[in-house]
Amino acid sequence: AKMSPPLFDFIEAKDKLTESTKQALGDKSSKAIIQAFHHIPGNETEKKTTLDQAFRGVLGEQIVSHASSCEDYLSLIYMSIDAVTEGICSATTPFVLLGDVLDSLPLDQCDNIFTFVEKNVSTWKSNSFYTAGKNYLLRMCNDLLRRLSKSQNTVFCGRIQLFLARLFPLSEKSGLNLQSQFNLDNITVFNKNEDESTFGLKHTGEKEDGMEVEEGEMGEEEAPASCSIPIDYNLYRKFWTLQDYFRNPVQCYDKVSWMTFLKYSDETLAVFKSFKLDDMQASKRKLEELRASGGEHVYFAKFLTSEKVTSDIH
């Protein structure tokens, strides 16, 4: 009589693969994982699923222990990439591990992990990983963007957007407006009557108590570079008129509208070029002061504490 294959023992297999994964991290080679995988009885699907769980289990131990560094996390993710290449674990596993790491780390350490993600864009675009991982990477990047401040983490936000642009082809449907539908109800209301303009009037209001002013954004000691275009009602009107072209880009097919758009855009950009948007040196000084104080750099949302903000709600 034909003997039936031995039953697959998930717990035993997971313990063996977990042990081999830890050994592989110490040896800095995935050989131990490959050998253990092939010596465990069972079909390929069962063993792959078990190795997926083993990888996440080891990563979970690293995160909970707080004794591991970003390099330790990345070593494990590299092991999972090798395992996918060897065909012994699911193609989604490296992305699941990346998501787990980014969800559990403060933003300054997420920066280091994301550098790894950027450097391996060619790996993510390869046939073995792209289909399985593109949605994971998109979700991971969107989760990061939600945690980041567009005003305080401008560079990091830009890196994420550039990474997505490199990862996805121009034909990617999720980034296209295939039916050319625009939100025509999104009308920007602004003062179109020059007689009601307050430009030129002096404002004597004092700075609100509790409202922080970021260094480098509104510093009085840093005067903007000179610009030939005066900042007056005329510029204000042109700047906000541009929003109507973004609301309904079809207007640009009209020659007169297109020339108007170009003229207003050039004048607006010329003014922006004359102002310093961000003081990187000030941001670096703040970070150095925070680290010198002995505390870890932990992310906290910035609150607006001005009484004026509260009164405007009513």
C-alpha atoms as a PDB file:
ATOM      1  CA  ALA A   1       0.000   0.000   0.000  1.00  0.00           C
ATOM      2  CA  LYS A   2       1.130   3.525  -0.777  1.00  0.00           C
ATOM      3  CA  MET A   3       2.179   5.435   2.338  1.00  0.00           C
ATOM      4  CA  SER A   4       0.553   8.819   2.902  1.00  0.00           C
ATOM      5  CA  PRO A   5       2.906  11.799   3.381  1.00  0.00           C
ATOM      6  CA  PRO A   6       3.506  12.898   6.991  1.00  0.00           C
ATOM      7  CA  LEU A   7       1.133  15.533   8.355  1.00  0.00           C
ATOM      8  CA  PHE A   8       2.430  19.091   8.343  1.00  0.00           C
ATOM      9  CA  ASP A   9       3.113  20.392  11.849  1.00  0.00           C
ATOM     10  CA  PHE A  10       2.789  24.195  11.655  1.00  0.00           C
ATOM     11  CA  ILE A  11       4.077  24.924  15.173  1.00  0.00           C
ATOM     12  CA  GLU A  12       7.162  22.743  14.777  1.00  0.00           C
ATOM     13  CA  ALA A  13       7.883  24.122  11.302  1.00  0.00           C
ATOM     14  CA  LYS A  14       7.511  27.715  12.494  1.00  0.00           C
ATOM     15  CA  ASP A  15       9.877  27.117  15.423  1.00  0.00           C
ATOM     16  CA  LYS A  16      12.511  25.632  13.110  1.00  0.00           C
ATOM     17  CA  LEU A  17      12.197  28.438  10.558  1.00  0.00           C
ATOM     18  CA  THR A  18      12.268  31.086  13.295  1.00  0.00           C
ATOM     19  CA  GLU A  19      15.462  29.595  14.700  1.00  0.00           C
ATOM     20  CA  SER A  20      17.042  29.378  11.245  1.00  0.00           C
ATOM     21  CA  THR A  21      16.072  33.013  10.536  1.00  0.00           C
ATOM     22  CA  LYS A  22      17.813  34.200  13.710  1.00  0.00           C
ATOM     23  CA  GLN A  23      20.854  32.108  12.792  1.00  0.00           C
ATOM     24  CA  ALA A  24      20.851  33.591   9.281  1.00  0.00           C
ATOM     25  CA  LEU A  25      20.812  37.114  10.727  1.00  0.00           C
ATOM     26  CA  GLY A  26      23.845  36.264  12.841  1.00  0.00           C
ATOM     27  CA  ASP A  27      25.640  34.670   9.889  1.00  0.00           C
ATOM     28  CA  LYS A  28      24.540  37.488   7.545  1.00  0.00           C
ATOM     29  CA  SER A  29      23.583  34.809   5.031  1.00  0.00           C
ATOM     30  CA  SER A  30      20.245  33.242   4.116  1.00  0.00           C
ATOM     31  CA  LYS A  31      21.718  29.733   3.704  1.00  0.00           C
ATOM     32  CA  ALA A  32      20.378  28.542   7.065  1.00  0.00           C
ATOM     33  CA  ILE A  33      16.822  29.537   6.083  1.00  0.00           C
ATOM     34  CA  ILE A  34      17.038  27.788   2.696  1.00  0.00           C
ATOM     35  CA  GLN A  35      18.388  24.578   4.238  1.00  0.00           C
ATOM     36  CA  ALA A  36      15.757  24.517   6.995  1.00  0.00           C
ATOM     37  CA  PHE A  37      12.979  25.168   4.474  1.00  0.00           C
ATOM     38  CA  HIS A  38      13.946  22.201   2.284  1.00  0.00           C
ATOM     39  CA  HIS A  39      14.353  19.816   5.253  1.00  0.00           C
ATOM     40  CA  ILE A  40      10.863  20.479   6.635  1.00  0.00           C
ATOM     41  CA  PRO A  41       8.213  18.012   5.372  1.00  0.00           C
ATOM     42  CA  GLY A  42       5.085  19.417   3.736  1.00  0.00           C
ATOM     43  CA  ASN A  43       4.003  21.049   0.495  1.00  0.00           C
ATOM     44  CA  GLU A  44       5.475  24.314  -0.789  1.00  0.00           C
ATOM     45  CA  THR A  45       2.417  26.448  -0.030  1.00  0.00           C
ATOM     46  CA  GLU A  46       2.302  25.365   3.623  1.00  0.00           C
ATOM     47  CA  LYS A  47       6.009  25.964   4.104  1.00  0.00           C
ATOM     48  CA  LYS A  48       5.915  29.374   2.379  1.00  0.00           C
ATOM     49  CA  THR A  49       3.077  30.542   4.622  1.00  0.00           C
ATOM     50  CA  THR A  50       4.980  29.319   7.673  1.00  0.00           C
ATOM     51  CA  LEU A  51       8.153  31.163   6.674  1.00  0.00           C
ATOM     52  CA  ASP A  52       6.097  34.332   6.135  1.00  0.00           C
ATOM     53  CA  GLN A  53       4.873  34.024   9.728  1.00  0.00           C
ATOM     54  CA  ALA A  54       8.384  33.283  10.998  1.00  0.00           C
ATOM     55  CA  PHE A  55       9.747  36.466   9.406  1.00  0.00           C
ATOM     56  CA  ARG A  56       6.994  38.582  10.973  1.00  0.00           C
ATOM     57  CA  GLY A  57       7.507  36.876  14.325  1.00  0.00           C
ATOM     58  CA  VAL A  58      11.243  37.642  14.367  1.00  0.00           C
ATOM     59  CA  LEU A  59      10.572  41.240  13.327  1.00  0.00           C
ATOM     60  CA  GLY A  60       7.957  41.573  16.071  1.00  0.00           C
ATOM     61  CA  GLU A  61      10.501  40.417  18.659  1.00  0.00           C
ATOM     62  CA  GLN A  62      13.027  42.948  17.351  1.00  0.00           C
ATOM     63  CA  ILE A  63      10.522  45.807  17.563  1.00  0.00           C
ATOM     64  CA  VAL A  64       9.208  44.906  21.031  1.00  0.00           C
ATOM     65  CA  SER A  65      12.695  44.449  22.506  1.00  0.00           C
ATOM     66  CA  HIS A  66      13.723  48.031  21.551  1.00  0.00           C
ATOM     67  CA  ALA A  67      17.270  46.648  21.334  1.00  0.00           C
ATOM     68  CA  SER A  68      17.383  46.509  17.545  1.00  0.00           C
ATOM     69  CA  SER A  69      18.506  49.248  15.182  1.00  0.00           C
ATOM     70  CA  CYS A  70      17.272  50.192  11.725  1.00  0.00           C
ATOM     71  CA  GLU A  71      20.127  48.094  10.313  1.00  0.00           C
ATOM     72  CA  ASP A  72      18.753  45.008  12.101  1.00  0.00           C
ATOM     73  CA  TYR A  73      15.301  45.566  10.610  1.00  0.00           C
ATOM     74  CA  LEU A  74      16.766  46.073   7.145  1.00  0.00           C
ATOM     75  CA  SER A  75      18.900  42.921   7.447  1.00  0.00           C
ATOM     76  CA  LEU A  76      15.745  40.907   8.046  1.00  0.00           C
ATOM     77  CA  ILE A  77      13.987  42.552   5.104  1.00  0.00           C
ATOM     78  CA  TYR A  78      16.997  41.748   2.901  1.00  0.00           C
ATOM     79  CA  MET A  79      16.661  38.115   4.042  1.00  0.00           C
ATOM     80  CA  SER A  80      13.010  38.111   2.989  1.00  0.00           C
ATOM     81  CA  ILE A  81      13.956  39.511  -0.438  1.00  0.00           C
ATOM     82  CA  ASP A  82      16.467  36.675  -0.854  1.00  0.00           C
ATOM     83  CA  ALA A  83      13.791  34.193   0.230  1.00  0.00           C
ATOM     84  CA  VAL A  84      11.394  35.518  -2.435  1.00  0.00           C
ATOM     85  CA  THR A  85      14.141  35.193  -5.050  1.00  0.00           C
ATOM     86  CA  GLU A  86      14.724  31.591  -3.915  1.00  0.00           C
ATOM     87  CA  GLY A  87      10.985  30.910  -4.162  1.00  0.00           C
ATOM     88  CA  ILE A  88      10.574  29.925  -0.507  1.00  0.00           C
ATOM     89  CA  CYS A  89       8.336  32.752   0.752  1.00  0.00           C
ATOM     90  CA  SER A  90       5.504  34.922  -0.560  1.00  0.00           C
ATOM     91  CA  ALA A  91       6.382  37.906  -2.752  1.00  0.00           C
ATOM     92  CA  THR A  92       4.341  40.177  -0.474  1.00  0.00           C
ATOM     93  CA  THR A  93       6.399  39.408   2.652  1.00  0.00           C
ATOM     94  CA  PRO A  94       9.111  42.119   2.246  1.00  0.00           C
ATOM     95  CA  PHE A  95       6.387  44.751   1.844  1.00  0.00           C
ATOM     96  CA  VAL A  96       4.459  43.507   4.872  1.00  0.00           C
ATOM     97  CA  LEU A  97       7.669  43.694   6.931  1.00  0.00           C
ATOM     98  CA  LEU A  98       8.380  47.217   5.665  1.00  0.00           C
ATOM     99  CA  GLY A  99       4.875  48.296   6.634  1.00  0.00           C
ATOM    100  CA  ASP A 100       5.260  46.797  10.126  1.00  0.00           C
ATOM    101  CA  VAL A 101       8.559  48.636  10.661  1.00  0.00           C
ATOM    102  CA  LEU A 102       7.328  52.019   9.432  1.00  0.00           C
ATOM    103  CA  ASP A 103       4.141  51.762  11.511  1.00  0.00           C
ATOM    104  CA  SER A 104       6.152  51.223  14.696  1.00  0.00           C
ATOM    105  CA  LEU A 105       8.994  53.754  14.320  1.00  0.00           C
ATOM    106  CA  PRO A 106       9.139  57.525  14.940  1.00  0.00           C
ATOM    107  CA  LEU A 107       9.508  59.693  11.850  1.00  0.00           C
ATOM    108  CA  ASP A 108      13.248  60.371  12.125  1.00  0.00           C
ATOM    109  CA  GLN A 109      13.926  56.613  11.923  1.00  0.00           C
ATOM    110  CA  CYS A 110      11.332  56.182   9.166  1.00  0.00           C
ATOM    111  CA  ASP A 111      13.577  58.463   7.118  1.00  0.00           C
ATOM    112  CA  ASN A 112      16.375  55.848   7.290  1.00  0.00           C
ATOM    113  CA  ILE A 113      14.025  53.015   6.344  1.00  0.00           C
ATOM    114  CA  PHE A 114      12.625  55.000   3.436  1.00  0.00           C
ATOM    115  CA  THR A 115      16.155  55.579   2.121  1.00  0.00           C
ATOM    116  CA  PHE A 116      16.367  51.786   1.792  1.00  0.00           C
ATOM    117  CA  VAL A 117      13.016  51.756  -0.047  1.00  0.00           C
ATOM    118  CA  GLU A 118      14.282  54.423  -2.475  1.00  0.00           C
ATOM    119  CA  LYS A 119      17.556  52.630  -3.187  1.00  0.00           C
ATOM    120  CA  ASN A 120      15.739  49.400  -4.046  1.00  0.00           C
ATOM    121  CA  VAL A 121      13.224  50.858  -6.493  1.00  0.00           C
ATOM    122  CA  SER A 122      14.699  48.681  -9.273  1.00  0.00           C
ATOM    123  CA  THR A 123      13.994  45.595  -7.131  1.00  0.00           C
ATOM    124  CA  TRP A 124      10.390  46.641  -6.515  1.00  0.00           C
ATOM    125  CA  LYS A 125       9.895  47.187 -10.260  1.00  0.00           C
ATOM    126  CA  SER A 126      11.197  43.715 -11.179  1.00  0.00           C
ATOM    127  CA  ASN A 127       8.794  40.983 -12.294  1.00  0.00           C
ATOM    128  CA  SER A 128       9.121  39.074  -9.009  1.00  0.00           C
ATOM    129  CA  PHE A 129       7.913  41.969  -6.853  1.00  0.00           C
ATOM    130  CA  TYR A 130       6.004  44.631  -8.805  1.00  0.00           C
ATOM    131  CA  THR A 131       2.567  43.032  -9.128  1.00  0.00           C
ATOM    132  CA  ALA A 132       2.621  41.674  -5.578  1.00  0.00           C
ATOM    133  CA  GLY A 133       3.981  44.808  -3.928  1.00  0.00           C
ATOM    134  CA  LYS A 134       2.780  47.913  -5.778  1.00  0.00           C
ATOM    135  CA  ASN A 135      -0.409  48.305  -3.720  1.00  0.00           C
ATOM    136  CA  TYR A 136       1.494  47.710  -0.470  1.00  0.00           C
ATOM    137  CA  LEU A 137       4.036  50.391  -1.410  1.00  0.00           C
ATOM    138  CA  LEU A 138       1.315  52.855  -2.399  1.00  0.00           C
ATOM    139  CA  ARG A 139      -0.532  52.312   0.888  1.00  0.00           C
ATOM    140  CA  MET A 140       2.729  52.555   2.844  1.00  0.00           C
ATOM    141  CA  CYS A 141       3.639  55.870   1.188  1.00  0.00           C
ATOM    142  CA  ASN A 142       0.162  57.309   1.754  1.00  0.00           C
ATOM    143  CA  ASP A 143       0.305  56.304   5.429  1.00  0.00           C
ATOM    144  CA  LEU A 144       3.656  58.080   5.761  1.00  0.00           C
ATOM    145  CA  LEU A 145       2.354  61.214   4.041  1.00  0.00           C
ATOM    146  CA  ARG A 146      -0.556  61.341   6.494  1.00  0.00           C
ATOM    147  CA  ARG A 147       1.902  61.353   9.401  1.00  0.00           C
ATOM    148  CA  LEU A 148       4.164  64.022   7.903  1.00  0.00           C
ATOM    149  CA  SER A 149       3.639  67.769   8.081  1.00  0.00           C
ATOM    150  CA  LYS A 150       3.635  69.382   4.646  1.00  0.00           C
ATOM    151  CA  SER A 151       5.160  72.538   6.139  1.00  0.00           C
ATOM    152  CA  GLN A 152       7.746  70.961   8.462  1.00  0.00           C
ATOM    153  CA  ASN A 153       8.673  67.793   6.524  1.00  0.00           C
ATOM    154  CA  THR A 154       8.645  69.248   3.025  1.00  0.00           C
ATOM    155  CA  VAL A 155      11.734  67.376   1.806  1.00  0.00           C
ATOM    156  CA  PHE A 156      10.556  63.982   3.086  1.00  0.00           C
ATOM    157  CA  CYS A 157       7.122  64.481   1.490  1.00  0.00           C
ATOM    158  CA  GLY A 158       8.820  65.360  -1.793  1.00  0.00           C
ATOM    159  CA  ARG A 159      11.003  62.236  -1.649  1.00  0.00           C
ATOM    160  CA  ILE A 160       7.915  60.062  -1.223  1.00  0.00           C
ATOM    161  CA  GLN A 161       6.192  61.683  -4.204  1.00  0.00           C
ATOM    162  CA  LEU A 162       9.317  61.272  -6.354  1.00  0.00           C
ATOM    163  CA  PHE A 163       9.613  57.624  -5.337  1.00  0.00           C
ATOM    164  CA  LEU A 164       6.022  56.957  -6.412  1.00  0.00           C
ATOM    165  CA  ALA A 165       6.702  58.717  -9.714  1.00  0.00           C
ATOM    166  CA  ARG A 166       9.701  56.428 -10.288  1.00  0.00           C
ATOM    167  CA  LEU A 167       7.826  53.301  -9.213  1.00  0.00           C
ATOM    168  CA  PHE A 168       4.661  53.644 -11.275  1.00  0.00           C
ATOM    169  CA  PRO A 169       4.581  54.094 -15.061  1.00  0.00           C
ATOM    170  CA  LEU A 170       2.906  57.160 -16.562  1.00  0.00           C
ATOM    171  CA  SER A 171       0.113  54.883 -17.761  1.00  0.00           C
ATOM    172  CA  GLU A 172      -0.789  53.778 -14.204  1.00  0.00           C
ATOM    173  CA  LYS A 173      -4.572  54.195 -14.007  1.00  0.00           C
ATOM    174  CA  SER A 174      -4.598  55.245 -10.351  1.00  0.00           C
ATOM    175  CA  GLY A 175      -2.682  58.400 -11.312  1.00  0.00           C
ATOM    176  CA  LEU A 176      -4.703  59.340 -14.389  1.00  0.00           C
ATOM    177  CA  ASN A 177      -7.900  61.280 -14.941  1.00  0.00           C
ATOM    178  CA  LEU A 178      -9.019  59.008 -17.767  1.00  0.00           C
ATOM    179  CA  GLN A 179     -12.420  60.634 -18.258  1.00  0.00           C
ATOM    180  CA  SER A 180     -11.125  64.224 -17.898  1.00  0.00           C
ATOM    181  CA  GLN A 181     -13.551  64.946 -15.091  1.00  0.00           C
ATOM    182  CA  PHE A 182     -12.955  68.111 -13.079  1.00  0.00           C
ATOM    183  CA  ASN A 183     -14.622  69.428  -9.954  1.00  0.00           C
ATOM    184  CA  LEU A 184     -16.170  72.552 -11.461  1.00  0.00           C
ATOM    185  CA  ASP A 185     -17.937  73.333  -8.174  1.00  0.00           C
ATOM    186  CA  ASN A 186     -14.577  73.960  -6.492  1.00  0.00           C
ATOM    187  CA  ILE A 187     -14.762  77.731  -6.874  1.00  0.00           C
ATOM    188  CA  THR A 188     -12.233  79.867  -5.002  1.00  0.00           C
ATOM    189  CA  VAL A 189     -13.894  82.949  -3.538  1.00  0.00           C
ATOM    190  CA  PHE A 190     -11.704  86.057  -3.297  1.00  0.00           C
ATOM    191  CA  ASN A 191     -12.069  89.827  -3.396  1.00  0.00           C
ATOM    192  CA  LYS A 192     -12.643  90.868  -7.008  1.00  0.00           C
ATOM    193  CA  ASN A 193     -13.454  94.475  -6.160  1.00  0.00           C
ATOM    194  CA  GLU A 194     -10.353  96.679  -5.982  1.00  0.00           C
ATOM    195  CA  ASP A 195     -12.292  99.389  -4.130  1.00  0.00           C
ATOM    196  CA  GLU A 196     -12.701  96.982  -1.190  1.00  0.00           C
ATOM    197  CA  SER A 197      -9.028  96.059  -1.132  1.00  0.00           C
ATOM    198  CA  THR A 198      -7.108  96.484   2.145  1.00  0.00           C
ATOM    199  CA  PHE A 199      -3.704  96.583   0.462  1.00  0.00           C
ATOM    200  CA  GLY A 200      -1.738  99.637   1.535  1.00  0.00           C
ATOM    201  CA  LEU A 201      -3.528  99.864   4.889  1.00  0.00           C
ATOM    202  CA  LYS A 202      -1.377  99.396   7.978  1.00  0.00           C
ATOM    203  CA  HIS A 203      -2.244  96.476  10.250  1.00  0.00           C
ATOM    204  CA  THR A 204      -1.521  97.180  13.913  1.00  0.00           C
ATOM    205  CA  GLY A 205      -2.661  93.863  15.398  1.00  0.00           C
ATOM    206  CA  GLU A 206      -0.274  92.245  17.849  1.00  0.00           C
ATOM    207  CA  LYS A 207       0.920  88.683  17.457  1.00  0.00           C
ATOM    208  CA  GLU A 208      -1.460  86.271  19.141  1.00  0.00           C
ATOM    209  CA  ASP A 209      -0.330  84.718  22.425  1.00  0.00           C
ATOM    210  CA  GLY A 210       0.443  81.024  22.106  1.00  0.00           C
ATOM    211  CA  MET A 211       0.877  81.145  18.320  1.00  0.00           C
ATOM    212  CA  GLU A 212       4.360  79.977  17.464  1.00  0.00           C
ATOM    213  CA  VAL A 213       6.171  81.473  14.505  1.00  0.00           C
ATOM    214  CA  GLU A 214       8.572  79.088  12.830  1.00  0.00           C
ATOM    215  CA  GLU A 215      12.122  80.322  12.528  1.00  0.00           C
ATOM    216  CA  GLY A 216      13.046  80.907   8.921  1.00  0.00           C
ATOM    217  CA  GLU A 217       9.464  81.393   7.745  1.00  0.00           C
ATOM    218  CA  MET A 218       8.607  84.772   9.263  1.00  0.00           C
ATOM    219  CA  GLY A 219      11.898  85.938  10.726  1.00  0.00           C
ATOM    220  CA  GLU A 220      12.091  89.729  10.781  1.00  0.00           C
ATOM    221  CA  GLU A 221      15.855  89.717  10.379  1.00  0.00           C
ATOM    222  CA  GLU A 222      15.624  88.063   6.965  1.00  0.00           C
ATOM    223  CA  ALA A 223      14.282  90.512   4.432  1.00  0.00           C
ATOM    224  CA  PRO A 224      13.116  89.049   1.114  1.00  0.00           C
ATOM    225  CA  ALA A 225      15.114  89.691  -2.013  1.00  0.00           C
ATOM    226  CA  SER A 226      13.970  92.602  -4.117  1.00  0.00           C
ATOM    227  CA  CYS A 227      11.367  91.926  -6.799  1.00  0.00           C
ATOM    228  CA  SER A 228      10.359  94.199  -9.665  1.00  0.00           C
ATOM    229  CA  ILE A 229       6.694  93.132  -9.374  1.00  0.00           C
ATOM    230  CA  PRO A 230       4.873  95.035  -6.605  1.00  0.00           C
ATOM    231  CA  ILE A 231       2.900  92.997  -4.084  1.00  0.00           C
ATOM    232  CA  ASP A 232      -0.438  94.749  -4.364  1.00  0.00           C
ATOM    233  CA  TYR A 233      -4.066  94.062  -5.204  1.00  0.00           C
ATOM    234  CA  ASN A 234      -3.203  93.492  -8.862  1.00  0.00           C
ATOM    235  CA  LEU A 235      -0.866  90.605  -7.979  1.00  0.00           C
ATOM    236  CA  TYR A 236      -3.405  89.271  -5.461  1.00  0.00           C
ATOM    237  CA  ARG A 237      -6.085  89.180  -8.162  1.00  0.00           C
ATOM    238  CA  LYS A 238      -3.797  87.464 -10.687  1.00  0.00           C
ATOM    239  CA  PHE A 239      -2.633  84.869  -8.166  1.00  0.00           C
ATOM    240  CA  TRP A 240      -6.143  83.793  -7.198  1.00  0.00           C
ATOM    241  CA  THR A 241      -7.417  83.974 -10.776  1.00  0.00           C
ATOM    242  CA  LEU A 242      -4.960  81.170 -11.593  1.00  0.00           C
ATOM    243  CA  GLN A 243      -7.020  78.831  -9.407  1.00  0.00           C
ATOM    244  CA  ASP A 244      -9.827  78.942 -11.943  1.00  0.00           C
ATOM    245  CA  TYR A 245      -7.543  77.440 -14.596  1.00  0.00           C
ATOM    246  CA  PHE A 246      -6.672  74.561 -12.259  1.00  0.00           C
ATOM    247  CA  ARG A 247     -10.362  74.090 -11.495  1.00  0.00           C
ATOM    248  CA  ASN A 248     -11.200  73.866 -15.205  1.00  0.00           C
ATOM    249  CA  PRO A 249      -8.046  73.262 -17.323  1.00  0.00           C
ATOM    250  CA  VAL A 250     -10.102  73.047 -20.529  1.00  0.00           C
ATOM    251  CA  GLN A 251      -9.998  76.866 -20.589  1.00  0.00           C
ATOM    252  CA  CYS A 252      -6.357  76.645 -21.636  1.00  0.00           C
ATOM    253  CA  TYR A 253      -7.405  75.430 -25.098  1.00  0.00           C
ATOM    254  CA  ASP A 254      -8.617  78.970 -25.775  1.00  0.00           C
ATOM    255  CA  LYS A 255      -5.710  81.074 -27.080  1.00  0.00           C
ATOM    256  CA  VAL A 256      -6.527  84.228 -25.093  1.00  0.00           C
ATOM    257  CA  SER A 257      -7.061  82.257 -21.877  1.00  0.00           C
ATOM    258  CA  TRP A 258      -3.800  80.376 -22.404  1.00  0.00           C
ATOM    259  CA  MET A 259      -1.802  83.587 -22.878  1.00  0.00           C
ATOM    260  CA  THR A 260      -3.446  85.050 -19.764  1.00  0.00           C
ATOM    261  CA  PHE A 261      -2.554  81.928 -17.786  1.00  0.00           C
ATOM    262  CA  LEU A 262       1.090  82.125 -18.915  1.00  0.00           C
ATOM    263  CA  LYS A 263       1.357  85.828 -18.055  1.00  0.00           C
ATOM    264  CA  TYR A 264      -0.178  85.473 -14.591  1.00  0.00           C
ATOM    265  CA  SER A 265       1.903  82.358 -13.856  1.00  0.00           C
ATOM    266  CA  ASP A 266       5.181  84.039 -14.820  1.00  0.00           C
ATOM    267  CA  GLU A 267       4.474  87.058 -12.618  1.00  0.00           C
ATOM    268  CA  THR A 268       3.420  84.910  -9.660  1.00  0.00           C
ATOM    269  CA  LEU A 269       6.462  82.621  -9.901  1.00  0.00           C
ATOM    270  CA  ALA A 270       8.764  85.638 -10.145  1.00  0.00           C
ATOM    271  CA  VAL A 271       7.438  86.865  -6.791  1.00  0.00           C
ATOM    272  CA  PHE A 272       7.802  83.428  -5.178  1.00  0.00           C
ATOM    273  CA  LYS A 273      11.401  83.173  -6.385  1.00  0.00           C
ATOM    274  CA  SER A 274      12.224  86.388  -4.539  1.00  0.00           C
ATOM    275  CA  PHE A 275      11.131  84.951  -1.165  1.00  0.00           C
ATOM    276  CA  LYS A 276      12.859  82.341   0.950  1.00  0.00           C
ATOM    277  CA  LEU A 277      10.343  79.555   1.604  1.00  0.00           C
ATOM    278  CA  ASP A 278      12.259  77.438   4.096  1.00  0.00           C
ATOM    279  CA  ASP A 279      15.310  77.925   6.281  1.00  0.00           C
ATOM    280  CA  MET A 280      17.014  74.534   6.226  1.00  0.00           C
ATOM    281  CA  GLN A 281      19.806  75.714   8.526  1.00  0.00           C
ATOM    282  CA  ALA A 282      17.276  76.773  11.168  1.00  0.00           C
ATOM    283  CA  SER A 283      15.567  73.375  10.951  1.00  0.00           C
ATOM    284  CA  LYS A 284      18.910  71.601  11.391  1.00  0.00           C
ATOM    285  CA  ARG A 285      19.756  73.778  14.399  1.00  0.00           C
ATOM    286  CA  LYS A 286      16.430  72.902  16.025  1.00  0.00           C
ATOM    287  CA  LEU A 287      17.045  69.187  15.481  1.00  0.00           C
ATOM    288  CA  GLU A 288      20.579  69.411  16.916  1.00  0.00           C
ATOM    289  CA  GLU A 289      19.288  71.282  19.976  1.00  0.00           C
ATOM    290  CA  LEU A 290      16.615  68.636  20.510  1.00  0.00           C
ATOM    291  CA  ARG A 291      19.142  65.800  20.320  1.00  0.00           C
ATOM    292  CA  ALA A 292      21.590  67.659  22.584  1.00  0.00           C
ATOM    293  CA  SER A 293      18.880  67.978  25.241  1.00  0.00           C
ATOM    294  CA  GLY A 294      19.066  64.200  25.752  1.00  0.00           C
ATOM    295  CA  GLY A 295      15.580  63.301  24.544  1.00  0.00           C
ATOM    296  CA  GLU A 296      14.767  61.168  21.547  1.00  0.00           C
ATOM    297  CA  HIS A 297      13.270  62.886  18.525  1.00  0.00           C
ATOM    298  CA  VAL A 298       9.648  61.778  18.764  1.00  0.00           C
ATOM    299  CA  TYR A 299       6.966  62.991  16.377  1.00  0.00           C
ATOM    300  CA  PHE A 300       4.156  65.110  17.805  1.00  0.00           C
ATOM    301  CA  ALA A 301       1.458  66.900  15.881  1.00  0.00           C
ATOM    302  CA  LYS A 302       1.717  70.677  16.168  1.00  0.00           C
ATOM    303  CA  PHE A 303      -1.284  72.374  17.748  1.00  0.00           C
ATOM    304  CA  LEU A 304      -2.522  75.864  16.978  1.00  0.00           C
ATOM    305  CA  THR A 305      -3.151  77.419  20.374  1.00  0.00           C
ATOM    306  CA  SER A 306      -4.187  80.899  19.338  1.00  0.00           C
ATOM    307  CA  GLU A 307      -7.473  82.145  20.815  1.00  0.00           C
ATOM    308  CA  LYS A 308      -8.262  83.637  17.440  1.00  0.00           C
ATOM    309  CA  VAL A 309      -8.507  80.161  15.889  1.00  0.00           C
ATOM    310  CA  THR A 310     -11.065  79.149  18.497  1.00  0.00           C
ATOM    311  CA  SER A 311     -13.116  82.324  18.121  1.00  0.00           C
ATOM    312  CA  ASP A 312     -13.261  81.852  14.333  1.00  0.00           C
ATOM    313  CA  ILE A 313     -15.009  78.494  14.792  1.00  0.00           C
ATOM    314  CA  HIS A 314     -18.058  80.067  16.448  1.00  0.00           C
END
